[in-house]
């Protein structure tokens, strides 16, 4: 199993549609006993939270966020945890909005202190 996500900061490798997470968004992950959670903000997201579970290299979580235009959104995501050759962590994600129509895929990767 790839290493723990606890204390790691991750960021999307590409921008999504306006009003969603983007390369300026930072996720700070926590993990304990199969439970994962994160706070995130940046770009079009003022504040976001996610909470869910981890089984091996699979994460299953719900997320909710407040955007800069004052609207809120929520959804469900399933991610695969991958350890990169340089030792950083990547999450390969499949997500779907629950508060509106839409679904997609995305990739977030661990950032170094320099990139935060």
PDB file of N, CA and C in Angstrom:
ATOM      1  N   UNK A   1       0.847  -1.180   0.000  1.00  0.00           N
ATOM      2  CA  UNK A   1       0.000   0.000   0.000  1.00  0.00           C
ATOM      3  C   UNK A   1       0.888   1.236   0.000  1.00  0.00           C
ATOM      4  N   UNK A   2       0.570   2.234  -0.860  1.00  0.00           N
ATOM      5  CA  UNK A   2       1.338   3.484  -0.827  1.00  0.00           C
ATOM      6  C   UNK A   2       1.276   4.119   0.562  1.00  0.00           C
ATOM      7  N   UNK A   3       2.199   4.987   0.804  1.00  0.00           N
ATOM      8  CA  UNK A   3       2.319   5.583   2.133  1.00  0.00           C
ATOM      9  C   UNK A   3       1.112   6.434   2.522  1.00  0.00           C
ATOM     10  N   UNK A   4       1.073   6.805   3.778  1.00  0.00           N
ATOM     11  CA  UNK A   4      -0.027   7.586   4.337  1.00  0.00           C
ATOM     12  C   UNK A   4      -0.127   8.957   3.668  1.00  0.00           C
ATOM     13  N   UNK A   5      -1.344   9.458   3.583  1.00  0.00           N
ATOM     14  CA  UNK A   5      -1.587  10.801   3.065  1.00  0.00           C
ATOM     15  C   UNK A   5      -1.503  11.856   4.166  1.00  0.00           C
ATOM     16  N   UNK A   6      -1.384  11.426   5.410  1.00  0.00           N
ATOM     17  CA  UNK A   6      -1.461  12.346   6.539  1.00  0.00           C
ATOM     18  C   UNK A   6      -0.417  13.450   6.449  1.00  0.00           C
ATOM     19  N   UNK A   7      -0.886  14.690   6.434  1.00  0.00           N
ATOM     20  CA  UNK A   7      -0.016  15.855   6.389  1.00  0.00           C
ATOM     21  C   UNK A   7       0.451  16.264   5.009  1.00  0.00           C
ATOM     22  N   UNK A   8       0.071  15.520   3.969  1.00  0.00           N
ATOM     23  CA  UNK A   8       0.513  15.865   2.618  1.00  0.00           C
ATOM     24  C   UNK A   8      -0.342  16.985   2.023  1.00  0.00           C
ATOM     25  N   UNK A   9       0.295  17.820   1.208  1.00  0.00           N
ATOM     26  CA  UNK A   9      -0.400  18.863   0.463  1.00  0.00           C
ATOM     27  C   UNK A   9      -0.369  18.468  -1.010  1.00  0.00           C
ATOM     28  N   UNK A  10      -1.547  18.458  -1.638  1.00  0.00           N
ATOM     29  CA  UNK A  10      -1.665  18.071  -3.043  1.00  0.00           C
ATOM     30  C   UNK A  10      -2.337  19.185  -3.823  1.00  0.00           C
ATOM     31  N   UNK A  11      -2.076  19.222  -5.135  1.00  0.00           N
ATOM     32  CA  UNK A  11      -2.667  20.228  -6.022  1.00  0.00           C
ATOM     33  C   UNK A  11      -3.006  19.584  -7.357  1.00  0.00           C
ATOM     34  N   UNK A  12      -4.061  20.071  -8.013  1.00  0.00           N
ATOM     35  CA  UNK A  12      -4.396  19.576  -9.349  1.00  0.00           C
ATOM     36  C   UNK A  12      -3.266  19.862 -10.333  1.00  0.00           C
ATOM     37  N   UNK A  13      -3.067  18.952 -11.285  1.00  0.00           N
ATOM     38  CA  UNK A  13      -2.042  19.158 -12.297  1.00  0.00           C
ATOM     39  C   UNK A  13      -2.569  19.989 -13.458  1.00  0.00           C
ATOM     40  N   UNK A  14      -3.910  20.175 -13.531  1.00  0.00           N
ATOM     41  CA  UNK A  14      -4.521  20.986 -14.597  1.00  0.00           C
ATOM     42  C   UNK A  14      -5.757  21.678 -14.037  1.00  0.00           C
ATOM     43  N   UNK A  15      -6.122  22.800 -14.652  1.00  0.00           N
ATOM     44  CA  UNK A  15      -7.338  23.502 -14.263  1.00  0.00           C
ATOM     45  C   UNK A  15      -8.559  22.737 -14.749  1.00  0.00           C
ATOM     46  N   UNK A  16      -9.625  22.774 -13.946  1.00  0.00           N
ATOM     47  CA  UNK A  16     -10.915  22.239 -14.345  1.00  0.00           C
ATOM     48  C   UNK A  16     -11.744  23.414 -14.884  1.00  0.00           C
ATOM     49  N   UNK A  17     -13.030  23.215 -15.041  1.00  0.00           N
ATOM     50  CA  UNK A  17     -13.923  24.279 -15.508  1.00  0.00           C
ATOM     51  C   UNK A  17     -13.989  25.401 -14.471  1.00  0.00           C
ATOM     52  N   UNK A  18     -14.350  26.623 -14.876  1.00  0.00           N
ATOM     53  CA  UNK A  18     -14.487  27.725 -13.921  1.00  0.00           C
ATOM     54  C   UNK A  18     -15.420  27.351 -12.768  1.00  0.00           C
ATOM     55  N   UNK A  19     -15.084  27.813 -11.564  1.00  0.00           N
ATOM     56  CA  UNK A  19     -15.883  27.526 -10.387  1.00  0.00           C
ATOM     57  C   UNK A  19     -15.503  26.226  -9.711  1.00  0.00           C
ATOM     58  N   UNK A  20     -14.515  25.542 -10.239  1.00  0.00           N
ATOM     59  CA  UNK A  20     -14.077  24.287  -9.654  1.00  0.00           C
ATOM     60  C   UNK A  20     -12.627  24.427  -9.201  1.00  0.00           C
ATOM     61  N   UNK A  21     -12.069  23.324  -8.701  1.00  0.00           N
ATOM     62  CA  UNK A  21     -10.678  23.364  -8.274  1.00  0.00           C
ATOM     63  C   UNK A  21      -9.773  23.574  -9.489  1.00  0.00           C
ATOM     64  N   UNK A  22      -8.606  24.146  -9.239  1.00  0.00           N
ATOM     65  CA  UNK A  22      -7.637  24.381 -10.303  1.00  0.00           C
ATOM     66  C   UNK A  22      -6.231  24.307  -9.756  1.00  0.00           C
ATOM     67  N   UNK A  23      -5.277  24.655 -10.571  1.00  0.00           N
ATOM     68  CA  UNK A  23      -3.869  24.518 -10.187  1.00  0.00           C
ATOM     69  C   UNK A  23      -3.486  25.386  -8.986  1.00  0.00           C
ATOM     70  N   UNK A  24      -4.296  26.386  -8.666  1.00  0.00           N
ATOM     71  CA  UNK A  24      -4.020  27.218  -7.483  1.00  0.00           C
ATOM     72  C   UNK A  24      -4.671  26.670  -6.217  1.00  0.00           C
ATOM     73  N   UNK A  25      -5.459  25.615  -6.344  1.00  0.00           N
ATOM     74  CA  UNK A  25      -6.118  24.992  -5.190  1.00  0.00           C
ATOM     75  C   UNK A  25      -5.136  24.061  -4.491  1.00  0.00           C
ATOM     76  N   UNK A  26      -5.110  24.121  -3.162  1.00  0.00           N
ATOM     77  CA  UNK A  26      -4.260  23.248  -2.358  1.00  0.00           C
ATOM     78  C   UNK A  26      -5.121  22.450  -1.393  1.00  0.00           C
ATOM     79  N   UNK A  27      -4.895  21.131  -1.383  1.00  0.00           N
ATOM     80  CA  UNK A  27      -5.585  20.200  -0.501  1.00  0.00           C
ATOM     81  C   UNK A  27      -4.611  19.758   0.587  1.00  0.00           C
ATOM     82  N   UNK A  28      -4.977  19.898   1.846  1.00  0.00           N
ATOM     83  CA  UNK A  28      -4.170  19.394   2.952  1.00  0.00           C
ATOM     84  C   UNK A  28      -4.875  18.169   3.506  1.00  0.00           C
ATOM     85  N   UNK A  29      -4.263  17.003   3.297  1.00  0.00           N
ATOM     86  CA  UNK A  29      -4.871  15.719   3.655  1.00  0.00           C
ATOM     87  C   UNK A  29      -4.478  15.260   5.046  1.00  0.00           C
ATOM     88  N   UNK A  30      -5.382  14.496   5.632  1.00  0.00           N
ATOM     89  CA  UNK A  30      -5.154  13.837   6.916  1.00  0.00           C
ATOM     90  C   UNK A  30      -5.670  12.409   6.783  1.00  0.00           C
ATOM     91  N   UNK A  31      -5.063  11.500   7.519  1.00  0.00           N
ATOM     92  CA  UNK A  31      -5.468  10.094   7.445  1.00  0.00           C
ATOM     93  C   UNK A  31      -5.195   9.415   8.770  1.00  0.00           C
ATOM     94  N   UNK A  32      -6.181   8.632   9.209  1.00  0.00           N
ATOM     95  CA  UNK A  32      -6.002   7.868  10.444  1.00  0.00           C
ATOM     96  C   UNK A  32      -6.951   6.680  10.439  1.00  0.00           C
ATOM     97  N   UNK A  33      -6.417   5.478  10.572  1.00  0.00           N
ATOM     98  CA  UNK A  33      -7.206   4.252  10.722  1.00  0.00           C
ATOM     99  C   UNK A  33      -8.261   4.081   9.636  1.00  0.00           C
ATOM    100  N   UNK A  34      -7.881   4.315   8.383  1.00  0.00           N
ATOM    101  CA  UNK A  34      -8.796   4.117   7.270  1.00  0.00           C
ATOM    102  C   UNK A  34      -9.728   5.278   6.991  1.00  0.00           C
ATOM    103  N   UNK A  35      -9.626   6.344   7.773  1.00  0.00           N
ATOM    104  CA  UNK A  35     -10.442   7.546   7.562  1.00  0.00           C
ATOM    105  C   UNK A  35      -9.551   8.620   6.948  1.00  0.00           C
ATOM    106  N   UNK A  36     -10.055   9.280   5.885  1.00  0.00           N
ATOM    107  CA  UNK A  36      -9.324  10.384   5.263  1.00  0.00           C
ATOM    108  C   UNK A  36     -10.200  11.635   5.281  1.00  0.00           C
ATOM    109  N   UNK A  37      -9.533  12.785   5.415  1.00  0.00           N
ATOM    110  CA  UNK A  37     -10.235  14.058   5.329  1.00  0.00           C
ATOM    111  C   UNK A  37      -9.244  15.100   4.864  1.00  0.00           C
ATOM    112  N   UNK A  38      -9.776  16.177   4.300  1.00  0.00           N
ATOM    113  CA  UNK A  38      -8.908  17.251   3.824  1.00  0.00           C
ATOM    114  C   UNK A  38      -9.670  18.562   3.825  1.00  0.00           C
ATOM    115  N   UNK A  39      -8.914  19.630   3.968  1.00  0.00           N
ATOM    116  CA  UNK A  39      -9.399  20.986   3.767  1.00  0.00           C
ATOM    117  C   UNK A  39      -8.736  21.492   2.504  1.00  0.00           C
ATOM    118  N   UNK A  40      -9.457  22.301   1.738  1.00  0.00           N
ATOM    119  CA  UNK A  40      -8.847  22.849   0.539  1.00  0.00           C
ATOM    120  C   UNK A  40      -9.368  24.238   0.240  1.00  0.00           C
ATOM    121  N   UNK A  41      -8.551  25.007  -0.473  1.00  0.00           N
ATOM    122  CA  UNK A  41      -8.896  26.375  -0.856  1.00  0.00           C
ATOM    123  C   UNK A  41      -7.934  26.810  -1.950  1.00  0.00           C
ATOM    124  N   UNK A  42      -8.326  27.857  -2.645  1.00  0.00           N
ATOM    125  CA  UNK A  42      -7.477  28.440  -3.678  1.00  0.00           C
ATOM    126  C   UNK A  42      -8.190  28.504  -5.013  1.00  0.00           C
ATOM    127  N   UNK A  43      -7.818  29.496  -5.825  1.00  0.00           N
ATOM    128  CA  UNK A  43      -8.473  29.675  -7.105  1.00  0.00           C
ATOM    129  C   UNK A  43      -9.915  30.094  -6.891  1.00  0.00           C
ATOM    130  N   UNK A  44     -10.858  29.418  -7.536  1.00  0.00           N
ATOM    131  CA  UNK A  44     -12.283  29.733  -7.420  1.00  0.00           C
ATOM    132  C   UNK A  44     -12.921  29.172  -6.158  1.00  0.00           C
ATOM    133  N   UNK A  45     -12.164  28.435  -5.338  1.00  0.00           N
ATOM    134  CA  UNK A  45     -12.702  27.820  -4.127  1.00  0.00           C
ATOM    135  C   UNK A  45     -12.242  28.613  -2.904  1.00  0.00           C
ATOM    136  N   UNK A  46     -13.219  29.155  -2.159  1.00  0.00           N
ATOM    137  CA  UNK A  46     -12.915  29.883  -0.922  1.00  0.00           C
ATOM    138  C   UNK A  46     -12.570  28.895   0.186  1.00  0.00           C
ATOM    139  N   UNK A  47     -13.390  27.845   0.303  1.00  0.00           N
ATOM    140  CA  UNK A  47     -13.161  26.829   1.329  1.00  0.00           C
ATOM    141  C   UNK A  47     -13.842  25.545   0.887  1.00  0.00           C
ATOM    142  N   UNK A  48     -13.145  24.433   1.078  1.00  0.00           N
ATOM    143  CA  UNK A  48     -13.718  23.129   0.767  1.00  0.00           C
ATOM    144  C   UNK A  48     -13.294  22.107   1.791  1.00  0.00           C
ATOM    145  N   UNK A  49     -14.113  21.080   1.919  1.00  0.00           N
ATOM    146  CA  UNK A  49     -13.828  19.991   2.856  1.00  0.00           C
ATOM    147  C   UNK A  49     -14.187  18.676   2.179  1.00  0.00           C
ATOM    148  N   UNK A  50     -13.416  17.657   2.483  1.00  0.00           N
ATOM    149  CA  UNK A  50     -13.776  16.311   2.028  1.00  0.00           C
ATOM    150  C   UNK A  50     -13.567  15.347   3.175  1.00  0.00           C
ATOM    151  N   UNK A  51     -14.360  14.260   3.165  1.00  0.00           N
ATOM    152  CA  UNK A  51     -14.246  13.237   4.199  1.00  0.00           C
ATOM    153  C   UNK A  51     -14.664  11.902   3.599  1.00  0.00           C
ATOM    154  N   UNK A  52     -13.931  10.851   3.983  1.00  0.00           N
ATOM    155  CA  UNK A  52     -14.254   9.534   3.472  1.00  0.00           C
ATOM    156  C   UNK A  52     -13.360   8.468   4.048  1.00  0.00           C
ATOM    157  N   UNK A  53     -13.188   7.409   3.269  1.00  0.00           N
ATOM    158  CA  UNK A  53     -12.448   6.248   3.744  1.00  0.00           C
ATOM    159  C   UNK A  53     -11.361   5.850   2.754  1.00  0.00           C
ATOM    160  N   UNK A  54     -10.404   5.085   3.282  1.00  0.00           N
ATOM    161  CA  UNK A  54      -9.347   4.522   2.449  1.00  0.00           C
ATOM    162  C   UNK A  54      -9.274   3.027   2.707  1.00  0.00           C
ATOM    163  N   UNK A  55      -9.253   2.263   1.625  1.00  0.00           N
ATOM    164  CA  UNK A  55      -9.034   0.822   1.697  1.00  0.00           C
ATOM    165  C   UNK A  55      -7.934   0.504   0.696  1.00  0.00           C
ATOM    166  N   UNK A  56      -6.743   0.204   1.194  1.00  0.00           N
ATOM    167  CA  UNK A  56      -5.600  -0.035   0.309  1.00  0.00           C
ATOM    168  C   UNK A  56      -5.244   1.225  -0.447  1.00  0.00           C
ATOM    169  N   UNK A  57      -5.267   1.154  -1.777  1.00  0.00           N
ATOM    170  CA  UNK A  57      -4.926   2.330  -2.578  1.00  0.00           C
ATOM    171  C   UNK A  57      -6.172   3.043  -3.108  1.00  0.00           C
ATOM    172  N   UNK A  58      -7.343   2.770  -2.521  1.00  0.00           N
ATOM    173  CA  UNK A  58      -8.594   3.368  -2.992  1.00  0.00           C
ATOM    174  C   UNK A  58      -9.190   4.301  -1.939  1.00  0.00           C
ATOM    175  N   UNK A  59      -9.488   5.525  -2.352  1.00  0.00           N
ATOM    176  CA  UNK A  59     -10.191   6.488  -1.506  1.00  0.00           C
ATOM    177  C   UNK A  59     -11.620   6.620  -2.013  1.00  0.00           C
ATOM    178  N   UNK A  60     -12.560   6.781  -1.105  1.00  0.00           N
ATOM    179  CA  UNK A  60     -13.964   7.001  -1.441  1.00  0.00           C
ATOM    180  C   UNK A  60     -14.450   8.103  -0.517  1.00  0.00           C
ATOM    181  N   UNK A  61     -14.783   9.274  -1.078  1.00  0.00           N
ATOM    182  CA  UNK A  61     -15.151  10.390  -0.217  1.00  0.00           C
ATOM    183  C   UNK A  61     -16.199  11.307  -0.844  1.00  0.00           C
ATOM    184  N   UNK A  62     -16.809  12.110   0.023  1.00  0.00           N
ATOM    185  CA  UNK A  62     -17.723  13.166  -0.375  1.00  0.00           C
ATOM    186  C   UNK A  62     -17.005  14.492  -0.143  1.00  0.00           C
ATOM    187  N   UNK A  63     -17.345  15.485  -0.979  1.00  0.00           N
ATOM    188  CA  UNK A  63     -16.749  16.808  -0.831  1.00  0.00           C
ATOM    189  C   UNK A  63     -17.831  17.878  -0.914  1.00  0.00           C
ATOM    190  N   UNK A  64     -17.549  19.019  -0.296  1.00  0.00           N
ATOM    191  CA  UNK A  64     -18.429  20.175  -0.332  1.00  0.00           C
ATOM    192  C   UNK A  64     -17.542  21.413  -0.380  1.00  0.00           C
ATOM    193  N   UNK A  65     -17.966  22.424  -1.162  1.00  0.00           N
ATOM    194  CA  UNK A  65     -17.124  23.606  -1.288  1.00  0.00           C
ATOM    195  C   UNK A  65     -17.949  24.871  -1.460  1.00  0.00           C
ATOM    196  N   UNK A  66     -17.343  25.989  -1.040  1.00  0.00           N
ATOM    197  CA  UNK A  66     -17.888  27.332  -1.219  1.00  0.00           C
ATOM    198  C   UNK A  66     -17.021  28.024  -2.252  1.00  0.00           C
ATOM    199  N   UNK A  67     -17.641  28.562  -3.289  1.00  0.00           N
ATOM    200  CA  UNK A  67     -16.893  29.224  -4.356  1.00  0.00           C
ATOM    201  C   UNK A  67     -16.881  30.735  -4.176  1.00  0.00           C
ATOM    202  N   UNK A  68     -16.003  31.388  -4.903  1.00  0.00           N
ATOM    203  CA  UNK A  68     -15.843  32.836  -4.778  1.00  0.00           C
ATOM    204  C   UNK A  68     -17.105  33.594  -5.161  1.00  0.00           C
ATOM    205  N   UNK A  69     -17.983  33.001  -5.962  1.00  0.00           N
ATOM    206  CA  UNK A  69     -19.236  33.682  -6.334  1.00  0.00           C
ATOM    207  C   UNK A  69     -20.322  33.494  -5.275  1.00  0.00           C
ATOM    208  N   UNK A  70     -19.997  32.829  -4.156  1.00  0.00           N
ATOM    209  CA  UNK A  70     -20.940  32.627  -3.061  1.00  0.00           C
ATOM    210  C   UNK A  70     -21.776  31.371  -3.174  1.00  0.00           C
ATOM    211  N   UNK A  71     -21.641  30.630  -4.249  1.00  0.00           N
ATOM    212  CA  UNK A  71     -22.412  29.397  -4.417  1.00  0.00           C
ATOM    213  C   UNK A  71     -21.700  28.220  -3.750  1.00  0.00           C
ATOM    214  N   UNK A  72     -22.468  27.184  -3.464  1.00  0.00           N
ATOM    215  CA  UNK A  72     -21.911  25.968  -2.887  1.00  0.00           C
ATOM    216  C   UNK A  72     -22.139  24.809  -3.847  1.00  0.00           C
ATOM    217  N   UNK A  73     -21.347  23.770  -3.681  1.00  0.00           N
ATOM    218  CA  UNK A  73     -21.482  22.567  -4.499  1.00  0.00           C
ATOM    219  C   UNK A  73     -20.974  21.383  -3.704  1.00  0.00           C
ATOM    220  N   UNK A  74     -21.494  20.187  -4.034  1.00  0.00           N
ATOM    221  CA  UNK A  74     -21.068  18.975  -3.349  1.00  0.00           C
ATOM    222  C   UNK A  74     -21.049  17.817  -4.326  1.00  0.00           C
ATOM    223  N   UNK A  75     -20.265  16.785  -3.961  1.00  0.00           N
ATOM    224  CA  UNK A  75     -20.171  15.637  -4.842  1.00  0.00           C
ATOM    225  C   UNK A  75     -19.496  14.451  -4.200  1.00  0.00           C
ATOM    226  N   UNK A  76     -19.254  13.453  -5.035  1.00  0.00           N
ATOM    227  CA  UNK A  76     -18.658  12.186  -4.619  1.00  0.00           C
ATOM    228  C   UNK A  76     -17.445  11.909  -5.497  1.00  0.00           C
ATOM    229  N   UNK A  77     -16.389  11.349  -4.906  1.00  0.00           N
ATOM    230  CA  UNK A  77     -15.164  11.062  -5.640  1.00  0.00           C
ATOM    231  C   UNK A  77     -14.587   9.725  -5.195  1.00  0.00           C
ATOM    232  N   UNK A  78     -14.067   8.977  -6.171  1.00  0.00           N
ATOM    233  CA  UNK A  78     -13.301   7.765  -5.907  1.00  0.00           C
ATOM    234  C   UNK A  78     -11.922   7.984  -6.512  1.00  0.00           C
ATOM    235  N   UNK A  79     -10.887   7.777  -5.725  1.00  0.00           N
ATOM    236  CA  UNK A  79      -9.517   8.038  -6.170  1.00  0.00           C
ATOM    237  C   UNK A  79      -8.635   6.825  -5.959  1.00  0.00           C
ATOM    238  N   UNK A  80      -7.638   6.702  -6.813  1.00  0.00           N
ATOM    239  CA  UNK A  80      -6.609   5.685  -6.652  1.00  0.00           C
ATOM    240  C   UNK A  80      -5.315   6.382  -6.235  1.00  0.00           C
ATOM    241  N   UNK A  81      -4.697   5.896  -5.167  1.00  0.00           N
ATOM    242  CA  UNK A  81      -3.448   6.455  -4.667  1.00  0.00           C
ATOM    243  C   UNK A  81      -2.290   5.777  -5.402  1.00  0.00           C
ATOM    244  N   UNK A  82      -1.419   6.590  -6.008  1.00  0.00           N
ATOM    245  CA  UNK A  82      -0.272   6.089  -6.757  1.00  0.00           C
ATOM    246  C   UNK A  82       0.979   6.750  -6.204  1.00  0.00           C
ATOM    247  N   UNK A  83       2.022   5.967  -5.968  1.00  0.00           N
ATOM    248  CA  UNK A  83       3.298   6.554  -5.565  1.00  0.00           C
ATOM    249  C   UNK A  83       4.132   6.771  -6.815  1.00  0.00           C
ATOM    250  N   UNK A  84       4.559   8.014  -7.034  1.00  0.00           N
ATOM    251  CA  UNK A  84       5.348   8.380  -8.204  1.00  0.00           C
ATOM    252  C   UNK A  84       6.799   7.930  -8.044  1.00  0.00           C
ATOM    253  N   UNK A  85       7.536   7.794  -9.139  1.00  0.00           N
ATOM    254  CA  UNK A  85       8.931   7.363  -9.067  1.00  0.00           C
ATOM    255  C   UNK A  85       9.801   8.250  -8.163  1.00  0.00           C
ATOM    256  N   UNK A  86       9.443   9.541  -8.055  1.00  0.00           N
ATOM    257  CA  UNK A  86      10.240  10.440  -7.211  1.00  0.00           C
ATOM    258  C   UNK A  86       9.809  10.411  -5.746  1.00  0.00           C
ATOM    259  N   UNK A  87       8.848   9.515  -5.408  1.00  0.00           N
ATOM    260  CA  UNK A  87       8.408   9.366  -4.028  1.00  0.00           C
ATOM    261  C   UNK A  87       7.186  10.187  -3.662  1.00  0.00           C
ATOM    262  N   UNK A  88       6.781  11.118  -4.522  1.00  0.00           N
ATOM    263  CA  UNK A  88       5.575  11.900  -4.248  1.00  0.00           C
ATOM    264  C   UNK A  88       4.335  11.042  -4.503  1.00  0.00           C
ATOM    265  N   UNK A  89       3.191  11.530  -4.037  1.00  0.00           N
ATOM    266  CA  UNK A  89       1.926  10.820  -4.176  1.00  0.00           C
ATOM    267  C   UNK A  89       1.059  11.496  -5.220  1.00  0.00           C
ATOM    268  N   UNK A  90       0.370  10.678  -6.011  1.00  0.00           N
ATOM    269  CA  UNK A  90      -0.609  11.153  -7.000  1.00  0.00           C
ATOM    270  C   UNK A  90      -1.950  10.491  -6.683  1.00  0.00           C
ATOM    271  N   UNK A  91      -3.037  11.259  -6.820  1.00  0.00           N
ATOM    272  CA  UNK A  91      -4.384  10.703  -6.743  1.00  0.00           C
ATOM    273  C   UNK A  91      -5.016  10.813  -8.122  1.00  0.00           C
ATOM    274  N   UNK A  92      -5.438   9.688  -8.666  1.00  0.00           N
ATOM    275  CA  UNK A  92      -6.138   9.649  -9.950  1.00  0.00           C
ATOM    276  C   UNK A  92      -7.616   9.521  -9.619  1.00  0.00           C
ATOM    277  N   UNK A  93      -8.402  10.552  -9.966  1.00  0.00           N
ATOM    278  CA  UNK A  93      -9.746  10.720  -9.436  1.00  0.00           C
ATOM    279  C   UNK A  93     -10.839  10.604 -10.501  1.00  0.00           C
ATOM    280  N   UNK A  94     -11.946   9.999 -10.093  1.00  0.00           N
ATOM    281  CA  UNK A  94     -13.189  10.017 -10.861  1.00  0.00           C
ATOM    282  C   UNK A  94     -14.237  10.630  -9.947  1.00  0.00           C
ATOM    283  N   UNK A  95     -14.849  11.718 -10.386  1.00  0.00           N
ATOM    284  CA  UNK A  95     -15.761  12.451  -9.514  1.00  0.00           C
ATOM    285  C   UNK A  95     -17.088  12.725 -10.228  1.00  0.00           C
ATOM    286  N   UNK A  96     -18.098  12.993  -9.392  1.00  0.00           N
ATOM    287  CA  UNK A  96     -19.408  13.340  -9.907  1.00  0.00           C
ATOM    288  C   UNK A  96     -20.069  14.322  -8.952  1.00  0.00           C
ATOM    289  N   UNK A  97     -20.589  15.403  -9.511  1.00  0.00           N
ATOM    290  CA  UNK A  97     -21.342  16.354  -8.700  1.00  0.00           C
ATOM    291  C   UNK A  97     -22.627  15.688  -8.232  1.00  0.00           C
ATOM    292  N   UNK A  98     -23.041  15.975  -7.007  1.00  0.00           N
ATOM    293  CA  UNK A  98     -24.329  15.522  -6.499  1.00  0.00           C
ATOM    294  C   UNK A  98     -25.299  16.690  -6.387  1.00  0.00           C
ATOM    295  N   UNK A  99     -24.776  17.907  -6.345  1.00  0.00           N
ATOM    296  CA  UNK A  99     -25.616  19.095  -6.213  1.00  0.00           C
ATOM    297  C   UNK A  99     -26.023  19.677  -7.573  1.00  0.00           C
ATOM    298  N   UNK A 100     -25.467  19.134  -8.634  1.00  0.00           N
ATOM    299  CA  UNK A 100     -25.786  19.584  -9.991  1.00  0.00           C
ATOM    300  C   UNK A 100     -25.321  18.500 -10.965  1.00  0.00           C
ATOM    301  N   UNK A 101     -25.545  18.723 -12.250  1.00  0.00           N
ATOM    302  CA  UNK A 101     -25.118  17.743 -13.252  1.00  0.00           C
ATOM    303  C   UNK A 101     -23.626  17.890 -13.542  1.00  0.00           C
ATOM    304  N   UNK A 102     -22.975  16.790 -13.822  1.00  0.00           N
ATOM    305  CA  UNK A 102     -21.584  16.825 -14.228  1.00  0.00           C
ATOM    306  C   UNK A 102     -20.749  15.755 -13.557  1.00  0.00           C
ATOM    307  N   UNK A 103     -19.764  15.281 -14.299  1.00  0.00           N
ATOM    308  CA  UNK A 103     -18.813  14.290 -13.798  1.00  0.00           C
ATOM    309  C   UNK A 103     -17.536  14.428 -14.597  1.00  0.00           C
ATOM    310  N   UNK A 104     -16.462  13.838 -14.100  1.00  0.00           N
ATOM    311  CA  UNK A 104     -15.205  13.905 -14.827  1.00  0.00           C
ATOM    312  C   UNK A 104     -14.095  13.167 -14.117  1.00  0.00           C
ATOM    313  N   UNK A 105     -12.898  13.391 -14.597  1.00  0.00           N
ATOM    314  CA  UNK A 105     -11.706  12.817 -13.990  1.00  0.00           C
ATOM    315  C   UNK A 105     -10.703  13.938 -13.760  1.00  0.00           C
ATOM    316  N   UNK A 106      -9.814  13.730 -12.819  1.00  0.00           N
ATOM    317  CA  UNK A 106      -8.770  14.701 -12.540  1.00  0.00           C
ATOM    318  C   UNK A 106      -7.601  13.989 -11.878  1.00  0.00           C
ATOM    319  N   UNK A 107      -6.485  14.699 -11.790  1.00  0.00           N
ATOM    320  CA  UNK A 107      -5.281  14.188 -11.141  1.00  0.00           C
ATOM    321  C   UNK A 107      -4.765  15.274 -10.211  1.00  0.00           C
ATOM    322  N   UNK A 108      -4.475  14.899  -8.968  1.00  0.00           N
ATOM    323  CA  UNK A 108      -3.798  15.799  -8.041  1.00  0.00           C
ATOM    324  C   UNK A 108      -2.504  15.121  -7.619  1.00  0.00           C
ATOM    325  N   UNK A 109      -1.468  15.951  -7.419  1.00  0.00           N
ATOM    326  CA  UNK A 109      -0.162  15.412  -7.012  1.00  0.00           C
ATOM    327  C   UNK A 109       0.363  16.182  -5.823  1.00  0.00           C
ATOM    328  N   UNK A 110       1.156  15.481  -5.036  1.00  0.00           N
ATOM    329  CA  UNK A 110       1.815  16.083  -3.885  1.00  0.00           C
ATOM    330  C   UNK A 110       2.711  17.210  -4.344  1.00  0.00           C
ATOM    331  N   UNK A 111       2.637  18.335  -3.619  1.00  0.00           N
ATOM    332  CA  UNK A 111       3.506  19.464  -3.913  1.00  0.00           C
ATOM    333  C   UNK A 111       4.578  19.580  -2.843  1.00  0.00           C
ATOM    334  N   UNK A 112       5.695  20.135  -3.230  1.00  0.00           N
ATOM    335  CA  UNK A 112       6.788  20.359  -2.286  1.00  0.00           C
ATOM    336  C   UNK A 112       6.567  21.687  -1.582  1.00  0.00           C
ATOM    337  N   UNK A 113       7.315  21.937  -0.527  1.00  0.00           N
ATOM    338  CA  UNK A 113       7.188  23.201   0.211  1.00  0.00           C
ATOM    339  C   UNK A 113       7.420  24.379  -0.730  1.00  0.00           C
ATOM    340  N   UNK A 114       8.260  24.233  -1.702  1.00  0.00           N
ATOM    341  CA  UNK A 114       8.556  25.286  -2.683  1.00  0.00           C
ATOM    342  C   UNK A 114       7.327  25.664  -3.517  1.00  0.00           C
ATOM    343  N   UNK A 115       6.453  24.680  -3.811  1.00  0.00           N
ATOM    344  CA  UNK A 115       5.297  24.890  -4.684  1.00  0.00           C
ATOM    345  C   UNK A 115       4.029  25.314  -3.946  1.00  0.00           C
ATOM    346  N   UNK A 116       4.087  25.401  -2.636  1.00  0.00           N
ATOM    347  CA  UNK A 116       2.874  25.721  -1.869  1.00  0.00           C
ATOM    348  C   UNK A 116       2.573  27.170  -1.993  1.00  0.00           C
TER     349      UNK A 116
END
